[in-house]
Amino acid sequence: MNRYFKALSSIIFAMLIGIGCQQTDPATDEEITAITPVQVTAVADSSLSESIEVTAVSAYLEKSYVKANINGYVEASAALMGKQVSNGQLLFSLITKEAKAIGNSINQLDPELKFSGISKIKAAQSGLIVQVNHQKGDYVQDGEALATISNRNSLVFLLDLPYEFNQLINSNPNLTVELPDGQKLSGALAGTMPSVDSLAQTQRYIVKVNSTNAIPEGLIAKVKLVKASHPNAQVLPKSAVLANETEDQFWVMKMINDSTAVRVDVKKGIESHTLVEVLSPKFDKKDKIIKTGNYGIADTARVKILK
């Protein structure tokens, strides 16, 4: 019995010594707070605009037809597809079938008649020959079209605009037409068609442009229509403005001292490739807004500003 009591006393004594020898690590009793390295920026004033981009197709509205004025054969032709011609330039020479059959016999009989049976056809306006219907040796009838000339001064771009944006065309009297090669032409609204495409629900507008270069018909260009423009917008870099998954709530992380950032809900306005307009609240130019390192940090977060 005494032996059993001594063994139990030894076990209890060893346990008490072990408990007394334990040391408390103070680091485990303190909450470790993460410090996020960030970069900051400030609000600035800038001019921002929001626009939509639509396509327009080049076309020549005025076309003249070079027509035969006699029944006969094409004796000579200077009309070539794609050739620029001026007003009054000779394009075709026609000879009547009678003159071609008789030849110069009548003039040999009576030189004073000066009969040739030749009719010269000239261009009625300057432009580009877009179609040639007859060549030398062809027989043509009076009034038949020999060639088609597009008036270079009638160049326009036909803009098919969705009807939901029809109010924008009135607020954009001066338009810029950008060609595929990067060339930009100044244009203005010259008219509209009084009908809407039943399938696409688009209305056609005529944009008159100023161009000294020859532009082919059917060329597709881009036209920007400004939806809104704010000349003195309060802007921040895109990376400074955060959003939720549904993108219906926006906020920024604002520094309240050198090491603490808080969440401030904002109302977003116009957005460009690199900037976002902040409609409200109005920030002071001295306020520091986090632009990098802000993703995923909580409200009232501890941060370290990187230089």
C-alpha atoms as a PDB file:
ATOM      1  CA  MET A   1       0.000   0.000   0.000  1.00  0.00           C
ATOM      2  CA  ASN A   2       2.820   2.360   0.875  1.00  0.00           C
ATOM      3  CA  ARG A   3       4.542   1.409  -2.371  1.00  0.00           C
ATOM      4  CA  TYR A   4       1.399   2.265  -4.364  1.00  0.00           C
ATOM      5  CA  PHE A   5       1.011   5.622  -2.579  1.00  0.00           C
ATOM      6  CA  LYS A   6       4.629   6.548  -3.270  1.00  0.00           C
ATOM      7  CA  ALA A   7       4.252   5.793  -6.993  1.00  0.00           C
ATOM      8  CA  LEU A   8       1.094   7.919  -7.231  1.00  0.00           C
ATOM      9  CA  SER A   9       2.801  10.788  -5.421  1.00  0.00           C
ATOM     10  CA  SER A  10       5.722  10.653  -7.842  1.00  0.00           C
ATOM     11  CA  ILE A  11       3.384  10.877 -10.856  1.00  0.00           C
ATOM     12  CA  ILE A  12       1.503  13.875  -9.448  1.00  0.00           C
ATOM     13  CA  PHE A  13       4.768  15.631  -8.564  1.00  0.00           C
ATOM     14  CA  ALA A  14       6.111  15.123 -12.123  1.00  0.00           C
ATOM     15  CA  MET A  15       2.933  16.551 -13.630  1.00  0.00           C
ATOM     16  CA  LEU A  16       3.135  19.640 -11.438  1.00  0.00           C
ATOM     17  CA  ILE A  17       6.765  20.224 -12.458  1.00  0.00           C
ATOM     18  CA  GLY A  18       5.847  19.864 -16.154  1.00  0.00           C
ATOM     19  CA  ILE A  19       3.056  22.406 -15.870  1.00  0.00           C
ATOM     20  CA  GLY A  20       5.313  24.839 -14.042  1.00  0.00           C
ATOM     21  CA  CYS A  21       7.987  24.548 -16.705  1.00  0.00           C
ATOM     22  CA  GLN A  22       5.663  25.513 -19.610  1.00  0.00           C
ATOM     23  CA  GLN A  23       6.264  29.009 -21.063  1.00  0.00           C
ATOM     24  CA  THR A  24       3.650  31.131 -22.786  1.00  0.00           C
ATOM     25  CA  ASP A  25       4.517  32.424 -26.284  1.00  0.00           C
ATOM     26  CA  PRO A  26       3.229  36.006 -26.366  1.00  0.00           C
ATOM     27  CA  ALA A  27       3.033  35.925 -30.163  1.00  0.00           C
ATOM     28  CA  THR A  28       0.191  33.383 -30.046  1.00  0.00           C
ATOM     29  CA  ASP A  29      -1.929  35.699 -27.904  1.00  0.00           C
ATOM     30  CA  GLU A  30      -1.731  38.567 -30.320  1.00  0.00           C
ATOM     31  CA  GLU A  31      -3.605  38.769 -33.626  1.00  0.00           C
ATOM     32  CA  ILE A  32      -1.246  39.122 -36.574  1.00  0.00           C
ATOM     33  CA  THR A  33      -2.543  41.795 -38.966  1.00  0.00           C
ATOM     34  CA  ALA A  34      -1.383  41.648 -42.636  1.00  0.00           C
ATOM     35  CA  ILE A  35       0.018  44.805 -44.181  1.00  0.00           C
ATOM     36  CA  THR A  36      -0.632  45.162 -47.916  1.00  0.00           C
ATOM     37  CA  PRO A  37       1.816  47.104 -50.093  1.00  0.00           C
ATOM     38  CA  VAL A  38      -0.075  49.591 -52.315  1.00  0.00           C
ATOM     39  CA  GLN A  39       0.419  52.477 -54.700  1.00  0.00           C
ATOM     40  CA  VAL A  40      -1.757  55.572 -54.530  1.00  0.00           C
ATOM     41  CA  THR A  41      -3.007  58.258 -56.890  1.00  0.00           C
ATOM     42  CA  ALA A  42      -5.183  61.376 -56.761  1.00  0.00           C
ATOM     43  CA  VAL A  43      -8.252  62.574 -58.645  1.00  0.00           C
ATOM     44  CA  ALA A  44      -7.766  64.788 -61.694  1.00  0.00           C
ATOM     45  CA  ASP A  45      -9.926  66.842 -64.045  1.00  0.00           C
ATOM     46  CA  SER A  46     -10.169  65.657 -67.629  1.00  0.00           C
ATOM     47  CA  SER A  47     -12.418  65.800 -70.668  1.00  0.00           C
ATOM     48  CA  LEU A  48     -14.262  62.540 -71.307  1.00  0.00           C
ATOM     49  CA  SER A  49     -16.755  61.522 -73.960  1.00  0.00           C
ATOM     50  CA  GLU A  50     -18.776  58.390 -74.625  1.00  0.00           C
ATOM     51  CA  SER A  51     -19.516  57.383 -78.202  1.00  0.00           C
ATOM     52  CA  ILE A  52     -20.762  54.535 -80.358  1.00  0.00           C
ATOM     53  CA  GLU A  53     -19.157  53.357 -83.591  1.00  0.00           C
ATOM     54  CA  VAL A  54     -21.206  52.549 -86.689  1.00  0.00           C
ATOM     55  CA  THR A  55     -20.291  51.720 -90.277  1.00  0.00           C
ATOM     56  CA  ALA A  56     -20.979  53.678 -93.444  1.00  0.00           C
ATOM     57  CA  VAL A  57     -20.543  52.707 -97.118  1.00  0.00           C
ATOM     58  CA  SER A  58     -19.283  55.048 -99.842  1.00  0.00           C
ATOM     59  CA  ALA A  59     -21.531  55.735-102.831  1.00  0.00           C
ATOM     60  CA  TYR A  60     -21.888  58.175-105.719  1.00  0.00           C
ATOM     61  CA  LEU A  61     -25.401  59.584-105.838  1.00  0.00           C
ATOM     62  CA  GLU A  62     -25.136  61.250-109.254  1.00  0.00           C
ATOM     63  CA  LYS A  63     -24.409  59.187-112.345  1.00  0.00           C
ATOM     64  CA  SER A  64     -24.650  60.314-115.947  1.00  0.00           C
ATOM     65  CA  TYR A  65     -25.118  58.053-118.944  1.00  0.00           C
ATOM     66  CA  VAL A  66     -23.228  58.642-122.163  1.00  0.00           C
ATOM     67  CA  LYS A  67     -25.777  57.779-124.887  1.00  0.00           C
ATOM     68  CA  ALA A  68     -25.676  57.320-128.606  1.00  0.00           C
ATOM     69  CA  ASN A  69     -27.405  60.031-130.650  1.00  0.00           C
ATOM     70  CA  ILE A  70     -27.603  58.089-133.924  1.00  0.00           C
ATOM     71  CA  ASN A  71     -28.039  54.539-135.167  1.00  0.00           C
ATOM     72  CA  GLY A  72     -24.649  53.277-136.247  1.00  0.00           C
ATOM     73  CA  TYR A  73     -21.342  51.722-135.391  1.00  0.00           C
ATOM     74  CA  VAL A  74     -18.730  52.663-132.787  1.00  0.00           C
ATOM     75  CA  GLU A  75     -15.912  54.053-134.934  1.00  0.00           C
ATOM     76  CA  ALA A  76     -13.555  54.879-132.029  1.00  0.00           C
ATOM     77  CA  SER A  77     -13.680  54.704-128.221  1.00  0.00           C
ATOM     78  CA  ALA A  78     -11.594  56.504-125.586  1.00  0.00           C
ATOM     79  CA  ALA A  79     -13.719  55.286-122.658  1.00  0.00           C
ATOM     80  CA  LEU A  80     -11.947  52.990-120.203  1.00  0.00           C
ATOM     81  CA  MET A  81     -13.261  51.560-116.964  1.00  0.00           C
ATOM     82  CA  GLY A  82     -11.913  53.526-113.991  1.00  0.00           C
ATOM     83  CA  LYS A  83     -10.691  56.457-116.102  1.00  0.00           C
ATOM     84  CA  GLN A  84     -11.132  60.003-114.824  1.00  0.00           C
ATOM     85  CA  VAL A  85     -12.716  62.245-117.456  1.00  0.00           C
ATOM     86  CA  SER A  86     -13.486  65.955-117.605  1.00  0.00           C
ATOM     87  CA  ASN A  87     -16.528  67.782-118.857  1.00  0.00           C
ATOM     88  CA  GLY A  88     -16.560  67.929-122.672  1.00  0.00           C
ATOM     89  CA  GLN A  89     -13.921  65.239-123.162  1.00  0.00           C
ATOM     90  CA  LEU A  90     -14.369  63.116-126.310  1.00  0.00           C
ATOM     91  CA  LEU A  91     -15.322  59.542-125.470  1.00  0.00           C
ATOM     92  CA  PHE A  92     -16.909  57.938-128.553  1.00  0.00           C
ATOM     93  CA  SER A  93     -17.066  58.471-132.317  1.00  0.00           C
ATOM     94  CA  LEU A  94     -20.050  56.927-134.093  1.00  0.00           C
ATOM     95  CA  ILE A  95     -20.645  56.443-137.789  1.00  0.00           C
ATOM     96  CA  THR A  96     -24.011  55.789-139.351  1.00  0.00           C
ATOM     97  CA  LYS A  97     -24.557  52.482-141.071  1.00  0.00           C
ATOM     98  CA  GLU A  98     -25.310  54.355-144.317  1.00  0.00           C
ATOM     99  CA  ALA A  99     -22.018  56.223-144.189  1.00  0.00           C
ATOM    100  CA  LYS A 100     -20.172  53.025-143.373  1.00  0.00           C
ATOM    101  CA  ALA A 101     -21.810  51.298-146.348  1.00  0.00           C
ATOM    102  CA  ILE A 102     -21.379  54.118-148.894  1.00  0.00           C
ATOM    103  CA  GLY A 103     -17.964  55.217-147.592  1.00  0.00           C
ATOM    104  CA  ASN A 104     -16.560  58.424-149.118  1.00  0.00           C
ATOM    105  CA  SER A 105     -18.409  58.083-152.423  1.00  0.00           C
ATOM    106  CA  ILE A 106     -20.757  61.053-151.821  1.00  0.00           C
ATOM    107  CA  ASN A 107     -17.872  63.448-151.125  1.00  0.00           C
ATOM    108  CA  GLN A 108     -16.176  62.345-154.317  1.00  0.00           C
ATOM    109  CA  LEU A 109     -19.332  63.181-156.270  1.00  0.00           C
ATOM    110  CA  ASP A 110     -19.892  66.544-154.576  1.00  0.00           C
ATOM    111  CA  PRO A 111     -17.058  67.810-152.319  1.00  0.00           C
ATOM    112  CA  GLU A 112     -19.172  70.727-151.085  1.00  0.00           C
ATOM    113  CA  LEU A 113     -21.455  68.389-149.149  1.00  0.00           C
ATOM    114  CA  LYS A 114     -18.638  67.435-146.737  1.00  0.00           C
ATOM    115  CA  PHE A 115     -20.603  64.381-145.669  1.00  0.00           C
ATOM    116  CA  SER A 116     -18.944  62.063-143.163  1.00  0.00           C
ATOM    117  CA  GLY A 117     -21.742  60.447-141.174  1.00  0.00           C
ATOM    118  CA  ILE A 118     -19.525  60.739-138.036  1.00  0.00           C
ATOM    119  CA  SER A 119     -21.022  61.766-134.685  1.00  0.00           C
ATOM    120  CA  LYS A 120     -18.779  62.641-131.738  1.00  0.00           C
ATOM    121  CA  ILE A 121     -20.029  61.815-128.215  1.00  0.00           C
ATOM    122  CA  LYS A 122     -18.524  63.821-125.337  1.00  0.00           C
ATOM    123  CA  ALA A 123     -18.730  63.583-121.550  1.00  0.00           C
ATOM    124  CA  ALA A 124     -21.487  65.751-120.070  1.00  0.00           C
ATOM    125  CA  GLN A 125     -19.720  66.088-116.689  1.00  0.00           C
ATOM    126  CA  SER A 126     -16.455  65.360-114.915  1.00  0.00           C
ATOM    127  CA  GLY A 127     -16.183  62.102-113.069  1.00  0.00           C
ATOM    128  CA  LEU A 128     -15.080  58.502-113.069  1.00  0.00           C
ATOM    129  CA  ILE A 129     -16.101  56.006-115.709  1.00  0.00           C
ATOM    130  CA  VAL A 130     -17.642  53.128-113.787  1.00  0.00           C
ATOM    131  CA  GLN A 131     -19.138  51.179-116.682  1.00  0.00           C
ATOM    132  CA  VAL A 132     -18.428  50.798-120.416  1.00  0.00           C
ATOM    133  CA  ASN A 133     -21.161  49.088-122.405  1.00  0.00           C
ATOM    134  CA  HIS A 134     -19.745  49.127-125.968  1.00  0.00           C
ATOM    135  CA  GLN A 135     -16.388  48.917-127.719  1.00  0.00           C
ATOM    136  CA  LYS A 136     -15.141  49.787-131.199  1.00  0.00           C
ATOM    137  CA  GLY A 137     -17.103  48.046-133.937  1.00  0.00           C
ATOM    138  CA  ASP A 138     -20.311  47.536-131.919  1.00  0.00           C
ATOM    139  CA  TYR A 139     -23.605  48.509-133.504  1.00  0.00           C
ATOM    140  CA  VAL A 140     -25.701  50.808-131.284  1.00  0.00           C
ATOM    141  CA  GLN A 141     -29.101  52.386-131.546  1.00  0.00           C
ATOM    142  CA  ASP A 142     -30.127  55.963-130.900  1.00  0.00           C
ATOM    143  CA  GLY A 143     -30.496  56.556-127.134  1.00  0.00           C
ATOM    144  CA  GLU A 144     -28.568  53.455-126.081  1.00  0.00           C
ATOM    145  CA  ALA A 145     -26.158  53.855-123.144  1.00  0.00           C
ATOM    146  CA  LEU A 146     -22.505  53.647-124.140  1.00  0.00           C
ATOM    147  CA  ALA A 147     -20.916  54.296-120.725  1.00  0.00           C
ATOM    148  CA  THR A 148     -21.721  55.429-117.188  1.00  0.00           C
ATOM    149  CA  ILE A 149     -19.885  58.243-115.380  1.00  0.00           C
ATOM    150  CA  SER A 150     -20.036  58.839-111.626  1.00  0.00           C
ATOM    151  CA  ASN A 151     -19.928  62.472-110.594  1.00  0.00           C
ATOM    152  CA  ARG A 152     -16.893  62.816-108.321  1.00  0.00           C
ATOM    153  CA  ASN A 153     -18.584  65.690-106.478  1.00  0.00           C
ATOM    154  CA  SER A 154     -21.521  63.495-105.494  1.00  0.00           C
ATOM    155  CA  LEU A 155     -19.496  61.231-103.192  1.00  0.00           C
ATOM    156  CA  VAL A 156     -21.346  60.442 -99.954  1.00  0.00           C
ATOM    157  CA  PHE A 157     -21.321  57.784 -97.249  1.00  0.00           C
ATOM    158  CA  LEU A 158     -24.545  55.930 -96.517  1.00  0.00           C
ATOM    159  CA  LEU A 159     -24.925  55.393 -92.778  1.00  0.00           C
ATOM    160  CA  ASP A 160     -27.354  52.723 -91.545  1.00  0.00           C
ATOM    161  CA  LEU A 161     -28.135  53.688 -87.952  1.00  0.00           C
ATOM    162  CA  PRO A 162     -30.223  51.594 -85.511  1.00  0.00           C
ATOM    163  CA  TYR A 163     -33.428  53.516 -84.872  1.00  0.00           C
ATOM    164  CA  GLU A 164     -32.829  53.508 -81.118  1.00  0.00           C
ATOM    165  CA  PHE A 165     -29.952  55.941 -81.737  1.00  0.00           C
ATOM    166  CA  ASN A 166     -31.825  58.256 -84.107  1.00  0.00           C
ATOM    167  CA  GLN A 167     -31.595  61.145 -81.629  1.00  0.00           C
ATOM    168  CA  LEU A 168     -27.806  60.991 -81.710  1.00  0.00           C
ATOM    169  CA  ILE A 169     -27.575  61.948 -85.366  1.00  0.00           C
ATOM    170  CA  ASN A 170     -29.210  65.311 -84.663  1.00  0.00           C
ATOM    171  CA  SER A 171     -26.764  66.073 -81.846  1.00  0.00           C
ATOM    172  CA  ASN A 172     -23.777  65.248 -84.083  1.00  0.00           C
ATOM    173  CA  PRO A 173     -24.051  67.672 -87.038  1.00  0.00           C
ATOM    174  CA  ASN A 174     -20.322  67.417 -87.740  1.00  0.00           C
ATOM    175  CA  LEU A 175     -19.109  63.882 -88.288  1.00  0.00           C
ATOM    176  CA  THR A 176     -15.722  62.269 -88.848  1.00  0.00           C
ATOM    177  CA  VAL A 177     -15.518  59.409 -91.334  1.00  0.00           C
ATOM    178  CA  GLU A 178     -12.488  57.146 -90.800  1.00  0.00           C
ATOM    179  CA  LEU A 179     -11.368  55.071 -93.787  1.00  0.00           C
ATOM    180  CA  PRO A 180      -9.736  51.626 -93.441  1.00  0.00           C
ATOM    181  CA  ASP A 181      -6.290  53.133 -94.206  1.00  0.00           C
ATOM    182  CA  GLY A 182      -6.620  55.539 -91.260  1.00  0.00           C
ATOM    183  CA  GLN A 183      -7.513  58.600 -93.329  1.00  0.00           C
ATOM    184  CA  LYS A 184     -10.141  60.792 -91.670  1.00  0.00           C
ATOM    185  CA  LEU A 185     -12.646  62.872 -93.625  1.00  0.00           C
ATOM    186  CA  SER A 186     -14.826  65.627 -92.234  1.00  0.00           C
ATOM    187  CA  GLY A 187     -18.485  65.154 -93.039  1.00  0.00           C
ATOM    188  CA  ALA A 188     -21.917  66.549 -92.369  1.00  0.00           C
ATOM    189  CA  LEU A 189     -25.430  65.159 -92.411  1.00  0.00           C
ATOM    190  CA  ALA A 190     -26.939  65.832 -95.838  1.00  0.00           C
ATOM    191  CA  GLY A 191     -30.227  63.942 -95.664  1.00  0.00           C
ATOM    192  CA  THR A 192     -32.108  60.888 -94.509  1.00  0.00           C
ATOM    193  CA  MET A 193     -34.296  58.227 -96.035  1.00  0.00           C
ATOM    194  CA  PRO A 194     -37.944  58.289 -94.864  1.00  0.00           C
ATOM    195  CA  SER A 195     -38.067  54.539 -94.258  1.00  0.00           C
ATOM    196  CA  VAL A 196     -36.675  51.920 -91.885  1.00  0.00           C
ATOM    197  CA  ASP A 197     -35.354  48.482 -92.759  1.00  0.00           C
ATOM    198  CA  SER A 198     -38.019  46.130 -91.396  1.00  0.00           C
ATOM    199  CA  LEU A 199     -35.544  43.389 -90.432  1.00  0.00           C
ATOM    200  CA  ALA A 200     -32.546  45.331 -89.119  1.00  0.00           C
ATOM    201  CA  GLN A 201     -34.626  48.279 -87.819  1.00  0.00           C
ATOM    202  CA  THR A 202     -32.067  50.735 -89.186  1.00  0.00           C
ATOM    203  CA  GLN A 203     -32.623  54.060 -90.891  1.00  0.00           C
ATOM    204  CA  ARG A 204     -30.321  55.288 -93.656  1.00  0.00           C
ATOM    205  CA  TYR A 205     -28.612  58.675 -93.433  1.00  0.00           C
ATOM    206  CA  ILE A 206     -26.571  60.466 -96.094  1.00  0.00           C
ATOM    207  CA  VAL A 207     -23.229  61.880 -94.945  1.00  0.00           C
ATOM    208  CA  LYS A 208     -21.565  64.358 -97.301  1.00  0.00           C
ATOM    209  CA  VAL A 209     -17.754  64.381 -97.111  1.00  0.00           C
ATOM    210  CA  ASN A 210     -14.969  66.581 -98.430  1.00  0.00           C
ATOM    211  CA  SER A 211     -12.294  64.575-100.221  1.00  0.00           C
ATOM    212  CA  THR A 212      -9.789  65.466-102.913  1.00  0.00           C
ATOM    213  CA  ASN A 213      -8.787  61.830-103.419  1.00  0.00           C
ATOM    214  CA  ALA A 214     -10.675  59.349-105.543  1.00  0.00           C
ATOM    215  CA  ILE A 215     -12.571  57.003-103.215  1.00  0.00           C
ATOM    216  CA  PRO A 216     -14.002  53.769-104.632  1.00  0.00           C
ATOM    217  CA  GLU A 217     -17.676  53.022-104.312  1.00  0.00           C
ATOM    218  CA  GLY A 218     -18.634  50.408-101.733  1.00  0.00           C
ATOM    219  CA  LEU A 219     -15.815  51.242 -99.287  1.00  0.00           C
ATOM    220  CA  ILE A 220     -16.765  50.549 -95.647  1.00  0.00           C
ATOM    221  CA  ALA A 221     -15.739  53.274 -93.187  1.00  0.00           C
ATOM    222  CA  LYS A 222     -16.291  53.984 -89.489  1.00  0.00           C
ATOM    223  CA  VAL A 223     -18.290  56.862 -88.023  1.00  0.00           C
ATOM    224  CA  LYS A 224     -18.334  57.768 -84.314  1.00  0.00           C
ATOM    225  CA  LEU A 225     -21.407  59.330 -82.755  1.00  0.00           C
ATOM    226  CA  VAL A 226     -20.897  61.038 -79.390  1.00  0.00           C
ATOM    227  CA  LYS A 227     -23.497  59.986 -76.802  1.00  0.00           C
ATOM    228  CA  ALA A 228     -22.264  62.188 -73.945  1.00  0.00           C
ATOM    229  CA  SER A 229     -19.418  64.598 -73.334  1.00  0.00           C
ATOM    230  CA  HIS A 230     -18.161  65.981 -70.014  1.00  0.00           C
ATOM    231  CA  PRO A 231     -15.402  68.596 -70.415  1.00  0.00           C
ATOM    232  CA  ASN A 232     -14.457  68.859 -66.699  1.00  0.00           C
ATOM    233  CA  ALA A 233     -14.921  65.369 -65.320  1.00  0.00           C
ATOM    234  CA  GLN A 234     -13.459  64.125 -62.011  1.00  0.00           C
ATOM    235  CA  VAL A 235     -11.469  61.081 -63.104  1.00  0.00           C
ATOM    236  CA  LEU A 236      -9.423  58.255 -61.627  1.00  0.00           C
ATOM    237  CA  PRO A 237      -7.397  55.474 -63.261  1.00  0.00           C
ATOM    238  CA  LYS A 238      -9.477  52.416 -64.097  1.00  0.00           C
ATOM    239  CA  SER A 239      -7.528  50.272 -61.645  1.00  0.00           C
ATOM    240  CA  ALA A 240      -8.547  52.543 -58.758  1.00  0.00           C
ATOM    241  CA  VAL A 241     -12.279  51.857 -59.119  1.00  0.00           C
ATOM    242  CA  LEU A 242     -13.474  48.441 -57.906  1.00  0.00           C
ATOM    243  CA  ALA A 243     -16.793  46.710 -58.583  1.00  0.00           C
ATOM    244  CA  ASN A 244     -18.814  43.741 -57.394  1.00  0.00           C
ATOM    245  CA  GLU A 245     -19.554  40.686 -59.528  1.00  0.00           C
ATOM    246  CA  THR A 246     -22.719  42.156 -61.036  1.00  0.00           C
ATOM    247  CA  GLU A 247     -21.035  45.534 -61.575  1.00  0.00           C
ATOM    248  CA  ASP A 248     -23.856  47.499 -60.007  1.00  0.00           C
ATOM    249  CA  GLN A 249     -21.816  48.729 -57.049  1.00  0.00           C
ATOM    250  CA  PHE A 250     -18.543  50.631 -57.261  1.00  0.00           C
ATOM    251  CA  TRP A 251     -16.077  51.832 -54.649  1.00  0.00           C
ATOM    252  CA  VAL A 252     -12.531  53.046 -54.069  1.00  0.00           C
ATOM    253  CA  MET A 253     -10.071  52.534 -51.215  1.00  0.00           C
ATOM    254  CA  LYS A 254      -9.142  55.901 -49.715  1.00  0.00           C
ATOM    255  CA  MET A 255      -6.262  56.503 -47.338  1.00  0.00           C
ATOM    256  CA  ILE A 256      -7.312  58.146 -44.053  1.00  0.00           C
ATOM    257  CA  ASN A 257      -3.744  58.173 -42.721  1.00  0.00           C
ATOM    258  CA  ASP A 258      -0.358  56.826 -43.740  1.00  0.00           C
ATOM    259  CA  SER A 259      -1.237  53.199 -42.981  1.00  0.00           C
ATOM    260  CA  THR A 260      -5.033  52.765 -43.096  1.00  0.00           C
ATOM    261  CA  ALA A 261      -7.418  52.604 -46.061  1.00  0.00           C
ATOM    262  CA  VAL A 262     -11.212  52.657 -45.929  1.00  0.00           C
ATOM    263  CA  ARG A 263     -13.854  51.827 -48.510  1.00  0.00           C
ATOM    264  CA  VAL A 264     -15.748  54.724 -50.095  1.00  0.00           C
ATOM    265  CA  ASP A 265     -18.702  53.951 -52.369  1.00  0.00           C
ATOM    266  CA  VAL A 266     -18.730  55.982 -55.596  1.00  0.00           C
ATOM    267  CA  LYS A 267     -21.050  56.620 -58.525  1.00  0.00           C
ATOM    268  CA  LYS A 268     -19.395  55.951 -61.861  1.00  0.00           C
ATOM    269  CA  GLY A 269     -19.914  58.076 -64.982  1.00  0.00           C
ATOM    270  CA  ILE A 270     -18.277  57.994 -68.410  1.00  0.00           C
ATOM    271  CA  GLU A 271     -15.495  55.476 -68.942  1.00  0.00           C
ATOM    272  CA  SER A 272     -12.585  55.564 -71.407  1.00  0.00           C
ATOM    273  CA  HIS A 273      -9.776  53.097 -72.107  1.00  0.00           C
ATOM    274  CA  THR A 274      -7.737  54.227 -69.087  1.00  0.00           C
ATOM    275  CA  LEU A 275      -9.922  56.583 -67.018  1.00  0.00           C
ATOM    276  CA  VAL A 276     -13.212  56.425 -65.126  1.00  0.00           C
ATOM    277  CA  GLU A 277     -15.339  59.428 -64.240  1.00  0.00           C
ATOM    278  CA  VAL A 278     -16.425  59.622 -60.600  1.00  0.00           C
ATOM    279  CA  LEU A 279     -19.693  61.542 -60.326  1.00  0.00           C
ATOM    280  CA  SER A 280     -19.888  61.382 -56.544  1.00  0.00           C
ATOM    281  CA  PRO A 281     -18.584  61.967 -53.994  1.00  0.00           C
ATOM    282  CA  LYS A 282     -16.298  64.889 -54.762  1.00  0.00           C
ATOM    283  CA  PHE A 283     -12.767  64.125 -53.621  1.00  0.00           C
ATOM    284  CA  ASP A 284     -10.130  66.637 -52.656  1.00  0.00           C
ATOM    285  CA  LYS A 285      -7.071  66.845 -54.869  1.00  0.00           C
ATOM    286  CA  LYS A 286      -4.987  65.922 -51.808  1.00  0.00           C
ATOM    287  CA  ASP A 287      -6.895  62.705 -51.122  1.00  0.00           C
ATOM    288  CA  LYS A 288      -4.878  59.538 -51.684  1.00  0.00           C
ATOM    289  CA  ILE A 289      -6.714  56.786 -53.561  1.00  0.00           C
ATOM    290  CA  ILE A 290      -5.195  53.312 -53.909  1.00  0.00           C
ATOM    291  CA  LYS A 291      -4.624  52.351 -57.548  1.00  0.00           C
ATOM    292  CA  THR A 292      -2.666  49.080 -57.175  1.00  0.00           C
ATOM    293  CA  GLY A 293      -2.896  46.512 -54.406  1.00  0.00           C
ATOM    294  CA  ASN A 294      -6.508  47.424 -53.663  1.00  0.00           C
ATOM    295  CA  TYR A 295      -8.126  44.248 -55.011  1.00  0.00           C
ATOM    296  CA  GLY A 296      -9.526  41.988 -52.300  1.00  0.00           C
ATOM    297  CA  ILE A 297      -8.568  44.067 -49.264  1.00  0.00           C
ATOM    298  CA  ALA A 298     -11.202  44.677 -46.618  1.00  0.00           C
ATOM    299  CA  ASP A 299     -12.589  47.926 -45.286  1.00  0.00           C
ATOM    300  CA  THR A 300     -10.260  49.643 -42.814  1.00  0.00           C
ATOM    301  CA  ALA A 301      -7.258  47.686 -44.060  1.00  0.00           C
ATOM    302  CA  ARG A 302      -3.678  48.197 -42.968  1.00  0.00           C
ATOM    303  CA  VAL A 303      -1.479  49.085 -45.939  1.00  0.00           C
ATOM    304  CA  LYS A 304       1.976  50.323 -46.728  1.00  0.00           C
ATOM    305  CA  ILE A 305       2.424  52.950 -49.428  1.00  0.00           C
ATOM    306  CA  LEU A 306       5.177  52.109 -51.883  1.00  0.00           C
ATOM    307  CA  LYS A 307       7.200  54.938 -53.306  1.00  0.00           C
END
